[in-house]
C-alpha atoms as a PDB file:
ATOM      1  CA  MET A   1      41.717  23.468  48.278  1.00  0.00           C
ATOM      2  CA  LYS A   2      38.947  22.191  49.870  1.00  0.00           C
ATOM      3  CA  LYS A   3      36.233  24.095  47.732  1.00  0.00           C
ATOM      4  CA  SER A   4      38.561  23.434  44.650  1.00  0.00           C
ATOM      5  CA  PHE A   5      38.061  19.811  45.360  1.00  0.00           C
ATOM      6  CA  TYR A   6      34.550  19.661  46.330  1.00  0.00           C
ATOM      7  CA  GLY A   7      33.608  21.909  43.469  1.00  0.00           C
ATOM      8  CA  LEU A   8      35.597  19.194  41.327  1.00  0.00           C
ATOM      9  CA  LEU A   9      33.955  16.329  42.483  1.00  0.00           C
ATOM     10  CA  THR A  10      30.491  18.385  42.193  1.00  0.00           C
ATOM     11  CA  ILE A  11      31.099  18.855  38.366  1.00  0.00           C
ATOM     12  CA  CYS A  12      32.172  15.169  37.887  1.00  0.00           C
ATOM     13  CA  ILE A  13      28.895  14.003  39.609  1.00  0.00           C
ATOM     14  CA  VAL A  14      27.057  16.146  37.920  1.00  0.00           C
ATOM     15  CA  PHE A  15      28.538  14.758  34.658  1.00  0.00           C
ATOM     16  CA  PHE A  16      28.215  11.195  35.969  1.00  0.00           C
ATOM     17  CA  PHE A  17      24.235  11.882  35.931  1.00  0.00           C
ATOM     18  CA  VAL A  18      23.743  13.726  32.903  1.00  0.00           C
ATOM     19  CA  THR A  19      26.356  11.433  30.750  1.00  0.00           C
ATOM     20  CA  VAL A  20      23.845   7.804  32.196  1.00  0.00           C
ATOM     21  CA  SER A  21      20.329  10.183  31.729  1.00  0.00           C
ATOM     22  CA  ALA A  22      21.512  10.816  28.075  1.00  0.00           C
ATOM     23  CA  TYR A  23      22.615   7.609  27.394  1.00  0.00           C
ATOM     24  CA  ALA A  24      19.002   6.329  28.886  1.00  0.00           C
ATOM     25  CA  ALA A  25      17.292   8.484  26.660  1.00  0.00           C
ATOM     26  CA  THR A  26      19.464   7.314  23.449  1.00  0.00           C
ATOM     27  CA  ASP A  27      19.403   3.550  24.176  1.00  0.00           C
ATOM     28  CA  PRO A  28      18.074   2.213  21.167  1.00  0.00           C
ATOM     29  CA  LEU A  29      17.556  -1.428  23.400  1.00  0.00           C
ATOM     30  CA  PRO A  30      16.529  -0.313  26.876  1.00  0.00           C
ATOM     31  CA  SER A  31      14.455  -3.786  27.545  1.00  0.00           C
ATOM     32  CA  TRP A  32      18.185  -5.625  26.875  1.00  0.00           C
ATOM     33  CA  ASN A  33      20.505  -5.670  29.437  1.00  0.00           C
ATOM     34  CA  ASP A  34      24.355  -4.695  28.848  1.00  0.00           C
ATOM     35  CA  GLY A  35      26.063  -7.555  27.329  1.00  0.00           C
ATOM     36  CA  PRO A  36      27.633  -9.351  24.351  1.00  0.00           C
ATOM     37  CA  SER A  37      24.332  -9.498  23.009  1.00  0.00           C
ATOM     38  CA  LYS A  38      23.145  -6.169  23.144  1.00  0.00           C
ATOM     39  CA  GLN A  39      26.939  -5.118  21.652  1.00  0.00           C
ATOM     40  CA  ALA A  40      26.901  -7.513  18.861  1.00  0.00           C
ATOM     41  CA  VAL A  41      23.487  -6.109  17.732  1.00  0.00           C
ATOM     42  CA  ILE A  42      24.247  -2.718  18.165  1.00  0.00           C
ATOM     43  CA  GLY A  43      28.183  -3.066  16.561  1.00  0.00           C
ATOM     44  CA  PHE A  44      26.260  -4.809  13.568  1.00  0.00           C
ATOM     45  CA  VAL A  45      23.844  -1.711  12.960  1.00  0.00           C
ATOM     46  CA  VAL A  46      26.385   0.721  13.724  1.00  0.00           C
ATOM     47  CA  ALA A  47      28.718  -0.855  11.014  1.00  0.00           C
ATOM     48  CA  VAL A  48      26.625  -1.469   8.421  1.00  0.00           C
ATOM     49  CA  THR A  49      25.167   2.167   8.449  1.00  0.00           C
ATOM     50  CA  THR A  50      27.937   4.378   8.843  1.00  0.00           C
ATOM     51  CA  HIS A  51      29.407   5.921   5.716  1.00  0.00           C
ATOM     52  CA  GLY A  52      33.329   5.125   5.453  1.00  0.00           C
ATOM     53  CA  SER A  53      32.850   1.927   7.386  1.00  0.00           C
ATOM     54  CA  PRO A  54      34.119  -0.593   5.764  1.00  0.00           C
ATOM     55  CA  ASP A  55      31.347  -2.939   6.714  1.00  0.00           C
ATOM     56  CA  PHE A  56      28.726   0.358   5.211  1.00  0.00           C
ATOM     57  CA  MET A  57      25.255  -1.353   3.299  1.00  0.00           C
ATOM     58  CA  ALA A  58      23.278   0.890   1.132  1.00  0.00           C
ATOM     59  CA  LYS A  59      19.906   1.329   2.035  1.00  0.00           C
ATOM     60  CA  GLU A  60      18.264  -0.751  -0.305  1.00  0.00           C
ATOM     61  CA  GLU A  61      20.475  -3.594   1.007  1.00  0.00           C
ATOM     62  CA  ARG A  62      19.222  -3.514   4.653  1.00  0.00           C
ATOM     63  CA  ILE A  63      16.692  -6.595   4.959  1.00  0.00           C
ATOM     64  CA  ALA A  64      16.166  -8.161   8.138  1.00  0.00           C
ATOM     65  CA  THR A  65      13.668 -11.184   8.077  1.00  0.00           C
ATOM     66  CA  PHE A  66      12.128 -12.177  11.589  1.00  0.00           C
ATOM     67  CA  ASP A  67      10.194 -15.457  12.351  1.00  0.00           C
ATOM     68  CA  SER A  68       7.336 -14.812  14.178  1.00  0.00           C
ATOM     69  CA  ASP A  69       6.667 -17.588  16.455  1.00  0.00           C
ATOM     70  CA  GLY A  70       8.883 -17.621  19.506  1.00  0.00           C
ATOM     71  CA  THR A  71      10.899 -14.853  17.931  1.00  0.00           C
ATOM     72  CA  LEU A  72       8.638 -11.870  18.123  1.00  0.00           C
ATOM     73  CA  MET A  73       5.930 -13.511  20.301  1.00  0.00           C
ATOM     74  CA  SER A  74       5.375 -16.821  22.598  1.00  0.00           C
ATOM     75  CA  GLU A  75       4.969 -19.885  21.254  1.00  0.00           C
ATOM     76  CA  GLN A  76       3.684 -21.951  24.160  1.00  0.00           C
ATOM     77  CA  PRO A  77       1.512 -24.137  24.893  1.00  0.00           C
ATOM     78  CA  VAL A  78       0.713 -24.225  21.021  1.00  0.00           C
ATOM     79  CA  TYR A  79       1.585 -22.126  18.136  1.00  0.00           C
ATOM     80  CA  PHE A  80      -1.418 -19.130  18.187  1.00  0.00           C
ATOM     81  CA  GLN A  81      -3.058 -19.229  15.299  1.00  0.00           C
ATOM     82  CA  PHE A  82      -4.058 -23.207  16.377  1.00  0.00           C
ATOM     83  CA  LEU A  83      -6.037 -21.191  19.116  1.00  0.00           C
ATOM     84  CA  TYR A  84      -7.972 -19.710  16.666  1.00  0.00           C
ATOM     85  CA  GLU A  85      -8.450 -22.648  14.169  1.00  0.00           C
ATOM     86  CA  ILE A  86      -9.974 -24.372  17.529  1.00  0.00           C
ATOM     87  CA  TYR A  87     -12.471 -21.241  17.861  1.00  0.00           C
ATOM     88  CA  ARG A  88     -12.912 -21.571  13.982  1.00  0.00           C
ATOM     89  CA  VAL A  89     -13.731 -25.445  14.427  1.00  0.00           C
ATOM     90  CA  ARG A  90     -16.394 -25.423  17.168  1.00  0.00           C
ATOM     91  CA  ILE A  91     -17.759 -22.245  15.458  1.00  0.00           C
ATOM     92  CA  LEU A  92     -18.481 -25.163  12.405  1.00  0.00           C
ATOM     93  CA  ALA A  93     -18.265 -28.835  13.708  1.00  0.00           C
ATOM     94  CA  SER A  94     -22.004 -28.792  13.390  1.00  0.00           C
ATOM     95  CA  LYS A  95     -21.441 -28.749   9.444  1.00  0.00           C
ATOM     96  CA  TYR A  96     -18.972 -30.812   9.101  1.00  0.00           C
ATOM     97  CA  PRO A  97     -19.832 -33.984  11.099  1.00  0.00           C
ATOM     98  CA  ALA A  98     -16.804 -35.962   9.241  1.00  0.00           C
ATOM     99  CA  TRP A  99     -14.560 -33.673  11.850  1.00  0.00           C
ATOM    100  CA  GLN A 100     -15.747 -35.621  14.612  1.00  0.00           C
ATOM    101  CA  THR A 101     -13.148 -38.200  13.546  1.00  0.00           C
ATOM    102  CA  LEU A 102     -10.579 -36.620  10.665  1.00  0.00           C
ATOM    103  CA  GLN A 103      -7.955 -35.292  12.369  1.00  0.00           C
ATOM    104  CA  PRO A 104      -6.786 -32.028  12.737  1.00  0.00           C
ATOM    105  CA  PHE A 105     -10.342 -31.270  12.811  1.00  0.00           C
ATOM    106  CA  LYS A 106     -10.557 -34.099  15.742  1.00  0.00           C
ATOM    107  CA  ALA A 107      -7.923 -32.353  17.766  1.00  0.00           C
ATOM    108  CA  ALA A 108      -8.772 -29.009  18.114  1.00  0.00           C
ATOM    109  CA  MET A 109     -12.823 -29.888  18.766  1.00  0.00           C
ATOM    110  CA  GLU A 110     -11.057 -31.671  21.807  1.00  0.00           C
ATOM    111  CA  GLY A 111      -8.947 -28.659  22.413  1.00  0.00           C
ATOM    112  CA  ASP A 112      -5.945 -31.198  21.930  1.00  0.00           C
ATOM    113  CA  LEU A 113      -3.272 -28.967  21.716  1.00  0.00           C
ATOM    114  CA  ALA A 114      -0.551 -32.051  22.400  1.00  0.00           C
ATOM    115  CA  TYR A 115      -1.561 -32.936  19.235  1.00  0.00           C
ATOM    116  CA  LEU A 116      -1.903 -30.035  17.380  1.00  0.00           C
ATOM    117  CA  ALA A 117       1.818 -28.724  18.576  1.00  0.00           C
ATOM    118  CA  HIS A 118       2.946 -32.123  16.660  1.00  0.00           C
ATOM    119  CA  SER A 119       1.554 -31.204  13.518  1.00  0.00           C
ATOM    120  CA  ALA A 120       2.941 -27.728  13.282  1.00  0.00           C
ATOM    121  CA  SER A 121       2.455 -25.976  10.122  1.00  0.00           C
ATOM    122  CA  PRO A 122       1.213 -28.614   8.076  1.00  0.00           C
ATOM    123  CA  GLY A 123      -1.764 -29.030  10.694  1.00  0.00           C
ATOM    124  CA  GLU A 124      -2.247 -25.142  10.777  1.00  0.00           C
ATOM    125  CA  LEU A 125      -2.661 -24.901   7.181  1.00  0.00           C
ATOM    126  CA  ASP A 126      -4.917 -28.121   6.903  1.00  0.00           C
ATOM    127  CA  LEU A 127      -7.277 -26.222   9.489  1.00  0.00           C
ATOM    128  CA  ALA A 128      -7.347 -22.866   7.990  1.00  0.00           C
ATOM    129  CA  ALA A 129      -8.369 -24.299   4.942  1.00  0.00           C
ATOM    130  CA  GLY A 130     -11.032 -26.234   6.169  1.00  0.00           C
ATOM    131  CA  THR A 131     -12.636 -23.158   8.288  1.00  0.00           C
ATOM    132  CA  GLU A 132     -11.408 -20.545   5.555  1.00  0.00           C
ATOM    133  CA  VAL A 133     -13.111 -22.162   2.661  1.00  0.00           C
ATOM    134  CA  ASP A 134     -15.287 -19.974   0.372  1.00  0.00           C
ATOM    135  CA  ARG A 135     -14.190 -16.429   2.537  1.00  0.00           C
ATOM    136  CA  SER A 136     -13.005 -13.850   1.449  1.00  0.00           C
ATOM    137  CA  ASP A 137      -9.746 -12.185   2.474  1.00  0.00           C
ATOM    138  CA  GLU A 138     -11.639  -9.519   3.965  1.00  0.00           C
ATOM    139  CA  GLU A 139     -14.007 -11.442   6.090  1.00  0.00           C
ATOM    140  CA  THR A 140     -11.214 -13.442   7.231  1.00  0.00           C
ATOM    141  CA  ARG A 141      -9.006 -10.679   8.565  1.00  0.00           C
ATOM    142  CA  ALA A 142     -12.018  -9.341  10.333  1.00  0.00           C
ATOM    143  CA  ASP A 143     -12.986 -12.347  11.931  1.00  0.00           C
ATOM    144  CA  THR A 144      -9.062 -13.023  12.791  1.00  0.00           C
ATOM    145  CA  ALA A 145      -8.176  -9.574  14.088  1.00  0.00           C
ATOM    146  CA  ALA A 146     -11.915  -9.436  16.385  1.00  0.00           C
ATOM    147  CA  TRP A 147     -10.499 -12.894  17.623  1.00  0.00           C
ATOM    148  CA  ALA A 148      -6.896 -11.921  18.211  1.00  0.00           C
ATOM    149  CA  ALA A 149      -8.509  -8.601  20.198  1.00  0.00           C
ATOM    150  CA  ALA A 150     -10.821 -10.950  22.692  1.00  0.00           C
ATOM    151  CA  SER A 151      -8.636 -13.606  22.790  1.00  0.00           C
ATOM    152  CA  ARG A 152      -7.213 -14.909  25.992  1.00  0.00           C
ATOM    153  CA  HIS A 153      -3.826 -16.394  26.096  1.00  0.00           C
ATOM    154  CA  PRO A 154      -4.584 -19.901  28.795  1.00  0.00           C
ATOM    155  CA  ARG A 155      -1.800 -18.812  31.137  1.00  0.00           C
ATOM    156  CA  PHE A 156      -1.571 -15.334  31.029  1.00  0.00           C
ATOM    157  CA  ASN A 157      -5.456 -14.445  30.505  1.00  0.00           C
ATOM    158  CA  ARG A 158      -4.487 -12.101  28.240  1.00  0.00           C
ATOM    159  CA  PRO A 159      -5.066 -11.003  24.160  1.00  0.00           C
ATOM    160  CA  ILE A 160      -2.223 -13.121  22.293  1.00  0.00           C
ATOM    161  CA  THR A 161      -1.204  -9.955  20.747  1.00  0.00           C
ATOM    162  CA  ASP A 162      -0.012  -9.048  24.351  1.00  0.00           C
ATOM    163  CA  LEU A 163       2.571 -12.139  24.250  1.00  0.00           C
ATOM    164  CA  VAL A 164       4.914 -10.161  22.019  1.00  0.00           C
ATOM    165  CA  TYR A 165       8.618  -9.445  23.286  1.00  0.00           C
ATOM    166  CA  GLN A 166       9.345  -6.373  24.390  1.00  0.00           C
ATOM    167  CA  PRO A 167      13.008  -6.429  23.722  1.00  0.00           C
ATOM    168  CA  MET A 168      12.281  -7.434  20.082  1.00  0.00           C
ATOM    169  CA  LEU A 169       9.656  -4.573  19.026  1.00  0.00           C
ATOM    170  CA  GLU A 170      12.803  -2.462  20.083  1.00  0.00           C
ATOM    171  CA  LEU A 171      14.742  -4.032  17.936  1.00  0.00           C
ATOM    172  CA  LEU A 172      12.143  -3.870  14.981  1.00  0.00           C
ATOM    173  CA  ASN A 173      12.095  -0.272  15.471  1.00  0.00           C
ATOM    174  CA  TYR A 174      15.917   0.357  16.011  1.00  0.00           C
ATOM    175  CA  LEU A 175      16.082  -1.671  12.722  1.00  0.00           C
ATOM    176  CA  ARG A 176      13.384   0.700  10.901  1.00  0.00           C
ATOM    177  CA  ALA A 177      15.437   4.014  12.382  1.00  0.00           C
ATOM    178  CA  ASN A 178      18.291   2.875  10.593  1.00  0.00           C
ATOM    179  CA  GLY A 179      16.999   2.322   7.233  1.00  0.00           C
ATOM    180  CA  PHE A 180      15.937  -1.169   7.488  1.00  0.00           C
ATOM    181  CA  LYS A 181      13.436  -2.986   5.812  1.00  0.00           C
ATOM    182  CA  THR A 182      12.017  -5.619   8.360  1.00  0.00           C
ATOM    183  CA  TYR A 183      10.059  -8.864   7.069  1.00  0.00           C
ATOM    184  CA  VAL A 184       7.911 -11.495   9.070  1.00  0.00           C
ATOM    185  CA  VAL A 185       8.908 -14.740   7.259  1.00  0.00           C
ATOM    186  CA  THR A 186       6.941 -17.518   9.208  1.00  0.00           C
ATOM    187  CA  GLY A 187       5.409 -20.819   9.217  1.00  0.00           C
ATOM    188  CA  THR A 188       2.088 -19.257  10.464  1.00  0.00           C
ATOM    189  CA  GLY A 189      -0.384 -18.484   7.889  1.00  0.00           C
ATOM    190  CA  ILE A 190      -0.699 -15.291   6.423  1.00  0.00           C
ATOM    191  CA  GLU A 191      -4.034 -15.120   6.179  1.00  0.00           C
ATOM    192  CA  PHE A 192      -3.781 -15.435  10.031  1.00  0.00           C
ATOM    193  CA  ILE A 193      -1.036 -13.492  10.378  1.00  0.00           C
ATOM    194  CA  ARG A 194      -2.024 -10.376   8.405  1.00  0.00           C
ATOM    195  CA  ALA A 195      -4.772  -9.629  10.412  1.00  0.00           C
ATOM    196  CA  TRP A 196      -2.925  -8.131  13.383  1.00  0.00           C
ATOM    197  CA  ALA A 197       1.180  -8.052  12.264  1.00  0.00           C
ATOM    198  CA  GLU A 198       0.843  -4.510  11.229  1.00  0.00           C
ATOM    199  CA  LYS A 199      -0.669  -2.949  14.611  1.00  0.00           C
ATOM    200  CA  THR A 200       1.182  -5.742  16.755  1.00  0.00           C
ATOM    201  CA  TYR A 201       4.721  -5.810  15.203  1.00  0.00           C
ATOM    202  CA  GLY A 202       4.452  -2.468  12.850  1.00  0.00           C
ATOM    203  CA  VAL A 203       5.001  -4.868   9.971  1.00  0.00           C
ATOM    204  CA  PRO A 204       2.324  -4.182   6.907  1.00  0.00           C
ATOM    205  CA  PRO A 205       0.712  -6.897   5.563  1.00  0.00           C
ATOM    206  CA  GLU A 206       2.526  -6.829   2.279  1.00  0.00           C
ATOM    207  CA  MET A 207       6.271  -7.412   4.350  1.00  0.00           C
ATOM    208  CA  ILE A 208       4.712 -10.791   5.553  1.00  0.00           C
ATOM    209  CA  VAL A 209       5.745 -13.808   4.103  1.00  0.00           C
ATOM    210  CA  GLY A 210       4.459 -16.914   5.475  1.00  0.00           C
ATOM    211  CA  SER A 211       2.565 -20.038   4.496  1.00  0.00           C
ATOM    212  CA  SER A 212      -0.827 -19.854   2.598  1.00  0.00           C
ATOM    213  CA  ILE A 213      -3.916 -21.451   1.491  1.00  0.00           C
ATOM    214  CA  LYS A 214      -5.012 -21.838  -2.271  1.00  0.00           C
ATOM    215  CA  ALA A 215      -7.217 -18.881  -3.205  1.00  0.00           C
ATOM    216  CA  ARG A 216      -9.128 -17.524  -6.117  1.00  0.00           C
ATOM    217  CA  TYR A 217     -10.731 -14.662  -7.964  1.00  0.00           C
ATOM    218  CA  GLN A 218     -14.433 -14.202  -7.588  1.00  0.00           C
ATOM    219  CA  MET A 219     -16.961 -11.497  -8.694  1.00  0.00           C
ATOM    220  CA  ARG A 220     -18.625 -10.939  -5.204  1.00  0.00           C
ATOM    221  CA  ASP A 221     -22.156  -8.627  -5.401  1.00  0.00           C
ATOM    222  CA  ASP A 222     -19.684  -6.755  -7.880  1.00  0.00           C
ATOM    223  CA  ILE A 223     -17.007  -6.239  -5.943  1.00  0.00           C
ATOM    224  CA  GLY A 224     -13.833  -8.542  -6.937  1.00  0.00           C
ATOM    225  CA  SER A 225     -12.563 -10.693  -4.058  1.00  0.00           C
ATOM    226  CA  VAL A 226     -10.202 -13.243  -3.225  1.00  0.00           C
ATOM    227  CA  ILE A 227     -12.000 -16.145  -1.872  1.00  0.00           C
ATOM    228  CA  TYR A 228     -10.197 -18.817  -0.234  1.00  0.00           C
ATOM    229  CA  GLU A 229     -10.090 -22.796  -1.016  1.00  0.00           C
ATOM    230  CA  PRO A 230      -9.740 -25.795   1.434  1.00  0.00           C
ATOM    231  CA  ALA A 231      -6.478 -26.975   0.025  1.00  0.00           C
ATOM    232  CA  ARG A 232      -2.997 -25.950   1.278  1.00  0.00           C
ATOM    233  CA  ASN A 233      -0.972 -23.655  -0.986  1.00  0.00           C
ATOM    234  CA  PHE A 234       2.738 -23.256   0.180  1.00  0.00           C
ATOM    235  CA  ILE A 235       4.432 -24.171   3.708  1.00  0.00           C
ATOM    236  CA  CYS A 236       7.360 -21.342   4.770  1.00  0.00           C
ATOM    237  CA  ASN A 237       9.413 -23.324   7.012  1.00  0.00           C
ATOM    238  CA  GLY A 238      12.694 -24.712   6.888  1.00  0.00           C
ATOM    239  CA  ASP A 239      14.529 -24.809   3.328  1.00  0.00           C
ATOM    240  CA  ASP A 240      11.390 -23.199   2.213  1.00  0.00           C
ATOM    241  CA  LYS A 241      12.069 -19.941   4.177  1.00  0.00           C
ATOM    242  CA  PRO A 242      14.787 -18.740   1.784  1.00  0.00           C
ATOM    243  CA  THR A 243      13.140 -20.050  -0.938  1.00  0.00           C
ATOM    244  CA  ALA A 244      10.181 -17.780   0.261  1.00  0.00           C
ATOM    245  CA  ILE A 245      12.129 -15.187   0.537  1.00  0.00           C
ATOM    246  CA  HIS A 246      13.878 -15.309  -2.732  1.00  0.00           C
ATOM    247  CA  TYR A 247      10.099 -14.892  -4.463  1.00  0.00           C
ATOM    248  CA  MET A 248       8.466 -12.950  -2.269  1.00  0.00           C
ATOM    249  CA  ILE A 249      11.346 -10.293  -1.291  1.00  0.00           C
ATOM    250  CA  GLY A 250      13.752 -10.688  -3.962  1.00  0.00           C
ATOM    251  CA  ARG A 251      16.684  -9.512  -2.066  1.00  0.00           C
ATOM    252  CA  ARG A 252      18.941 -12.334   0.134  1.00  0.00           C
ATOM    253  CA  PRO A 253      18.790 -10.479   4.241  1.00  0.00           C
ATOM    254  CA  ILE A 254      21.476  -9.202   5.396  1.00  0.00           C
ATOM    255  CA  ALA A 255      20.251  -9.743   9.279  1.00  0.00           C
ATOM    256  CA  ALA A 256      18.005 -13.291   9.801  1.00  0.00           C
ATOM    257  CA  PHE A 257      16.059 -13.835  13.514  1.00  0.00           C
ATOM    258  CA  GLY A 258      14.887 -17.098  14.782  1.00  0.00           C
ATOM    259  CA  ASN A 259      14.199 -19.311  17.784  1.00  0.00           C
ATOM    260  CA  SER A 260      14.548 -23.043  16.361  1.00  0.00           C
ATOM    261  CA  ASP A 261      16.258 -25.591  14.192  1.00  0.00           C
ATOM    262  CA  SER A 262      13.506 -24.641  11.421  1.00  0.00           C
ATOM    263  CA  ASP A 263      15.320 -21.093  10.866  1.00  0.00           C
ATOM    264  CA  ILE A 264      18.477 -22.178  10.458  1.00  0.00           C
ATOM    265  CA  PRO A 265      18.103 -22.143   6.759  1.00  0.00           C
ATOM    266  CA  MET A 266      17.030 -18.771   7.174  1.00  0.00           C
ATOM    267  CA  LEU A 267      20.030 -17.468   9.072  1.00  0.00           C
ATOM    268  CA  GLN A 268      22.499 -19.594   6.755  1.00  0.00           C
ATOM    269  CA  TYR A 269      21.006 -18.011   3.805  1.00  0.00           C
ATOM    270  CA  ALA A 270      21.058 -14.492   5.273  1.00  0.00           C
ATOM    271  CA  THR A 271      24.356 -14.796   6.766  1.00  0.00           C
ATOM    272  CA  SER A 272      26.542 -16.678   4.191  1.00  0.00           C
ATOM    273  CA  GLY A 273      26.230 -13.260   1.630  1.00  0.00           C
ATOM    274  CA  LYS A 274      28.955 -11.022   0.976  1.00  0.00           C
ATOM    275  CA  GLY A 275      29.788  -8.327   4.008  1.00  0.00           C
ATOM    276  CA  ARG A 276      28.686  -8.025   7.361  1.00  0.00           C
ATOM    277  CA  ARG A 277      26.119 -10.001   8.429  1.00  0.00           C
ATOM    278  CA  LEU A 278      23.949 -10.965  11.350  1.00  0.00           C
ATOM    279  CA  GLY A 279      22.064 -14.064  12.663  1.00  0.00           C
ATOM    280  CA  LEU A 280      20.735 -14.284  15.943  1.00  0.00           C
ATOM    281  CA  LEU A 281      18.594 -17.050  17.839  1.00  0.00           C
ATOM    282  CA  VAL A 282      16.404 -16.529  20.805  1.00  0.00           C
ATOM    283  CA  HIS A 283      16.744 -18.987  23.536  1.00  0.00           C
ATOM    284  CA  HIS A 284      14.039 -19.472  25.651  1.00  0.00           C
ATOM    285  CA  THR A 285      15.494 -19.904  29.065  1.00  0.00           C
ATOM    286  CA  ASP A 286      12.924 -18.378  31.713  1.00  0.00           C
ATOM    287  CA  ASP A 287      10.526 -20.585  32.677  1.00  0.00           C
ATOM    288  CA  VAL A 288       9.367 -17.891  35.460  1.00  0.00           C
ATOM    289  CA  ARG A 289       8.425 -15.118  33.143  1.00  0.00           C
ATOM    290  CA  GLU A 290       7.963 -17.034  30.009  1.00  0.00           C
ATOM    291  CA  TRP A 291       9.155 -20.661  29.312  1.00  0.00           C
ATOM    292  CA  ALA A 292      12.638 -22.552  29.043  1.00  0.00           C
ATOM    293  CA  TYR A 293      12.795 -25.226  26.353  1.00  0.00           C
ATOM    294  CA  ASP A 294      15.057 -26.193  23.594  1.00  0.00           C
ATOM    295  CA  ARG A 295      16.702 -29.549  22.767  1.00  0.00           C
ATOM    296  CA  GLY A 296      13.239 -32.156  22.257  1.00  0.00           C
ATOM    297  CA  SER A 297      10.562 -29.658  22.461  1.00  0.00           C
ATOM    298  CA  ARG A 298       7.592 -30.293  21.323  1.00  0.00           C
ATOM    299  CA  VAL A 299       7.279 -26.390  19.925  1.00  0.00           C
ATOM    300  CA  GLY A 300      10.353 -24.421  18.643  1.00  0.00           C
ATOM    301  CA  ASP A 301      13.040 -27.451  18.793  1.00  0.00           C
ATOM    302  CA  LEU A 302      16.363 -26.133  18.805  1.00  0.00           C
ATOM    303  CA  ASP A 303      19.073 -28.680  18.932  1.00  0.00           C
ATOM    304  CA  LYS A 304      21.153 -28.188  15.830  1.00  0.00           C
ATOM    305  CA  GLY A 305      20.841 -24.604  15.840  1.00  0.00           C
ATOM    306  CA  PHE A 306      23.495 -24.396  19.082  1.00  0.00           C
ATOM    307  CA  ASP A 307      26.304 -25.983  16.942  1.00  0.00           C
ATOM    308  CA  GLU A 308      25.311 -23.982  13.552  1.00  0.00           C
ATOM    309  CA  ALA A 309      25.560 -20.701  15.864  1.00  0.00           C
ATOM    310  CA  ALA A 310      29.153 -21.350  17.427  1.00  0.00           C
ATOM    311  CA  ARG A 311      30.322 -22.758  13.684  1.00  0.00           C
ATOM    312  CA  ARG A 312      28.777 -19.500  12.209  1.00  0.00           C
ATOM    313  CA  GLY A 313      29.339 -16.876  14.668  1.00  0.00           C
ATOM    314  CA  TRP A 314      25.228 -16.230  15.488  1.00  0.00           C
ATOM    315  CA  VAL A 315      23.964 -14.224  18.558  1.00  0.00           C
ATOM    316  CA  VAL A 316      22.352 -16.876  20.958  1.00  0.00           C
ATOM    317  CA  VAL A 317      20.120 -14.370  22.917  1.00  0.00           C
ATOM    318  CA  ASP A 318      19.593 -15.806  26.629  1.00  0.00           C
ATOM    319  CA  MET A 319      16.002 -14.380  27.634  1.00  0.00           C
ATOM    320  CA  LYS A 320      16.743 -14.627  31.636  1.00  0.00           C
ATOM    321  CA  LYS A 321      20.167 -13.033  31.647  1.00  0.00           C
ATOM    322  CA  ASP A 322      19.930 -10.578  28.092  1.00  0.00           C
ATOM    323  CA  TRP A 323      16.194  -9.239  28.503  1.00  0.00           C
ATOM    324  CA  LYS A 324      15.096  -7.159  31.591  1.00  0.00           C
ATOM    325  CA  VAL A 325      11.733  -7.458  30.598  1.00  0.00           C
ATOM    326  CA  ILE A 326      10.122 -10.218  28.351  1.00  0.00           C
ATOM    327  CA  PHE A 327       6.926  -8.018  27.713  1.00  0.00           C
ATOM    328  CA  PRO A 328       5.168  -4.901  27.583  1.00  0.00           C
ATOM    329  CA  PHE A 329       2.943  -5.520  30.141  1.00  0.00           C
ATOM    330  CA  GLU A 330       5.903  -5.908  32.683  1.00  0.00           C
ATOM    331  CA  GLN A 331       6.809  -2.472  31.749  1.00  0.00           C
ATOM    332  CA  ARG A 332       3.019  -1.311  32.625  1.00  0.00           C
ATOM    333  CA  ASN A 333       2.377  -3.055  35.605  1.00  0.00           C
ATOM    334  CA  SER A 334       5.663  -2.013  37.050  1.00  0.00           C
ATOM    335  CA  ARG A 335       4.791   1.801  36.771  1.00  0.00           C
END
């Protein structure tokens, strides 16, 4: 009897560990703690991708849109494009004496992050328009990519492309593995983000929808080039995010991900369509591993989004509670 009991116990223990190991190997979101947020995301993906499910969505309808700053990567103490523009302004300052008193160039020259944080997307575009004038798209991308690789974040002393969220990278991969097209829809200038987004997010340039500066076509050295001009073209923020999605993607997303009130229109647009939908807001709650902020923040203000999330059933991710790790380098450092 004892032998039978211990034999059965051994089988149960082995089965338990095999099951746990199998789950760990197949868990699509290993950096997410088990809980309502993770369950909601996986439940949505399973529902819309399972043939025979009442919520099934054809592959062509599986469009997901992600904000960038604060949703896929950190945005403190200032949007990262501003750090690049500070670098560019300082290189060019001697050619443009008027920048000494002209905002936001003056703030960039002085490293006034508080001023730049308040100027948000318009300020980013004004700086880009001033510092990229007469450069080709290829020149700008090459310079931006080189800067991103060499950059150092003021708090973490790492390249800004290391400040991406491991749980969100897993989410991007999980969606793509299940037939989703993943787009980045951001107030950041496409001239900046397209230089490094494919390597960092796995999102190619043609799937980046963002703010932009004006450009013209020109032949240079017998090569056709797109050349930037000193003027804003389009600011992709707030109510203009759904408009940009309409123009650039042509389909209403069935899932949208953001972190601030400026992302509310995009999440409304995605989740008010027919069929099963998913809206998700990243709430910054971890002041040890990242930052804690929401209402009244000069960067990534999240206020009305809480009420809208409750009303519409959006998922609100608590970074401190829901994510085992925040950055990929946390995993590397723990090995």
